[in-house]
Protein backbone atom coordinates (compact mmCIF):
# COMPACT_ATOMS: atom_id res chain seq x y z
CA MET A 1 124.86 129.76 105.13
CA PRO A 2 123.42 128.92 108.57
CA VAL A 3 120.88 126.09 108.44
CA GLY A 4 118.04 125.74 110.93
CA LYS A 5 115.77 122.82 111.62
CA VAL A 6 112.16 122.87 112.79
CA VAL A 7 109.68 120.06 113.44
CA PHE A 8 105.89 120.43 113.17
CA ASP A 9 103.19 118.00 114.22
CA VAL A 10 100.51 118.12 111.51
CA PRO A 11 97.50 115.93 112.48
CA LYS A 12 95.64 116.72 109.24
CA MET A 13 98.39 115.12 107.15
CA TYR A 14 97.30 111.48 107.12
CA ALA A 15 97.68 110.37 103.49
CA ASP A 16 100.12 110.69 100.61
CA HIS A 17 98.17 113.43 98.86
CA HIS A 18 98.41 115.51 102.04
CA VAL A 19 102.19 114.99 102.08
CA GLU A 20 102.37 116.21 98.48
CA ALA A 21 100.30 119.30 99.31
CA VAL A 22 102.50 120.12 102.31
CA ARG A 23 105.70 119.66 100.29
CA LYS A 24 104.35 121.83 97.46
CA ALA A 25 103.39 124.61 99.88
CA LEU A 26 106.77 124.57 101.62
CA LEU A 27 108.91 124.24 98.49
CA ALA A 28 107.38 127.51 97.26
CA LEU A 29 109.19 129.31 100.10
CA PRO A 30 112.67 130.72 99.46
CA GLY A 31 115.35 129.17 101.64
CA ILE A 32 113.90 125.68 102.09
CA GLU A 33 116.76 123.18 102.08
CA GLU A 34 115.05 119.88 102.90
CA ILE A 35 111.57 118.62 103.79
CA ILE A 36 110.82 115.29 105.41
CA ALA A 37 107.07 114.77 105.66
CA SER A 38 105.50 111.61 107.06
CA SER A 39 101.80 110.83 106.89
CA ALA A 40 102.37 107.86 109.21
CA LEU A 41 103.90 110.05 111.92
CA LYS A 42 101.90 113.14 110.92
CA ARG A 43 105.08 115.14 111.27
CA VAL A 44 107.06 117.53 109.06
CA VAL A 45 110.77 118.18 109.52
CA VAL A 46 112.10 121.21 107.67
CA ARG A 47 115.70 122.32 107.21
CA TYR A 48 115.96 125.92 106.05
CA ASP A 49 118.35 128.82 105.49
CA THR A 50 118.02 130.97 108.63
CA GLU A 51 119.10 134.10 106.74
CA ARG A 52 116.18 133.83 104.29
CA LEU A 53 113.45 132.18 106.35
CA ASN A 54 112.15 131.77 109.89
CA PRO A 55 109.96 129.13 111.59
CA GLY A 56 107.02 131.55 111.76
CA ALA A 57 106.94 131.90 107.97
CA ILE A 58 107.05 128.13 107.57
CA GLU A 59 104.18 127.72 110.02
CA GLN A 60 102.17 130.40 108.17
CA ALA A 61 102.72 128.56 104.87
CA LEU A 62 101.44 125.33 106.41
CA GLN A 63 98.43 127.14 107.83
CA ALA A 64 97.65 128.81 104.47
CA ALA A 65 97.75 125.37 102.81
CA GLY A 66 95.21 124.04 105.33
CA TYR A 67 97.68 122.06 107.45
CA ALA A 68 98.17 124.20 110.53
CA PRO A 69 100.51 122.56 113.03
CA GLY A 70 98.65 120.97 115.92
CA GLU A 71 95.24 121.56 114.33
CA GLU A 72 92.92 118.55 114.51
CA TRP A 73 90.05 117.82 112.14
CA GLU A 74 86.75 119.24 113.33
CA LEU A 75 84.03 116.64 113.26
CA PRO A 76 80.70 117.81 111.84
CA LYS A 77 77.72 117.91 114.13
CA LEU A 78 75.17 115.23 113.40
CA PRO A 79 71.64 116.34 112.60
CA GLU A 80 69.03 115.65 115.22
CA GLY A 81 67.17 112.41 114.53
CA LYS A 82 63.53 113.12 113.80
CA GLU A 83 60.70 110.82 112.81
CA ASP A 84 60.05 111.74 109.18
CA HIS A 85 58.29 108.54 108.07
CA SER A 86 61.28 107.60 105.93
CA PRO A 87 62.34 103.93 105.61
CA TRP A 88 65.05 104.60 108.17
CA PHE A 89 62.42 104.87 110.91
CA GLN A 90 60.24 101.99 109.72
CA VAL A 91 60.54 98.50 111.09
CA ILE A 92 60.13 96.05 108.26
CA PRO A 93 60.16 92.33 109.07
CA ARG A 94 62.66 90.35 107.07
CA VAL A 95 61.98 86.70 106.33
CA THR A 96 64.64 84.47 104.86
CA THR A 97 64.82 80.78 104.15
CA THR A 98 67.87 78.63 103.78
CA ASP A 99 68.36 77.01 100.40
CA ARG A 100 68.28 73.22 100.77
CA ARG A 101 71.39 72.93 98.57
CA ASP A 102 73.36 74.94 101.12
CA LEU A 103 72.27 72.56 103.88
CA GLU A 104 73.24 69.55 101.78
CA MET A 105 76.79 70.90 101.32
CA SER A 106 77.37 71.43 105.05
CA GLY A 107 77.78 69.27 108.11
CA ASP A 108 76.35 65.74 108.06
CA PHE A 109 74.82 66.29 104.64
CA ARG A 110 78.17 66.80 102.88
CA LYS A 111 78.60 64.40 99.96
CA TYR A 112 81.85 63.58 98.23
């Protein structure tokens, strides 16, 4: 049985639950021999039976699971900031006073 090896960079795989999802998706394919998935390196190394599987099928399985090789996360667009009279847009003065006990426990006022 000829064994092939392929390496994929998977930027969306950044935590353990992503590693589990990738492994589950790839182990469902016939001919998978070994999977090494690293969330730290964001990389998947797959050894497979070349008579039963090809790199394209492995890549399609990753893509179907939501972890397409080389695909970065798309950041959502922020809504345009508009004055809507919400507290976010109001300036409210904040007045604080220091508790005398805090002053007594610091610096020259410290008592033992």
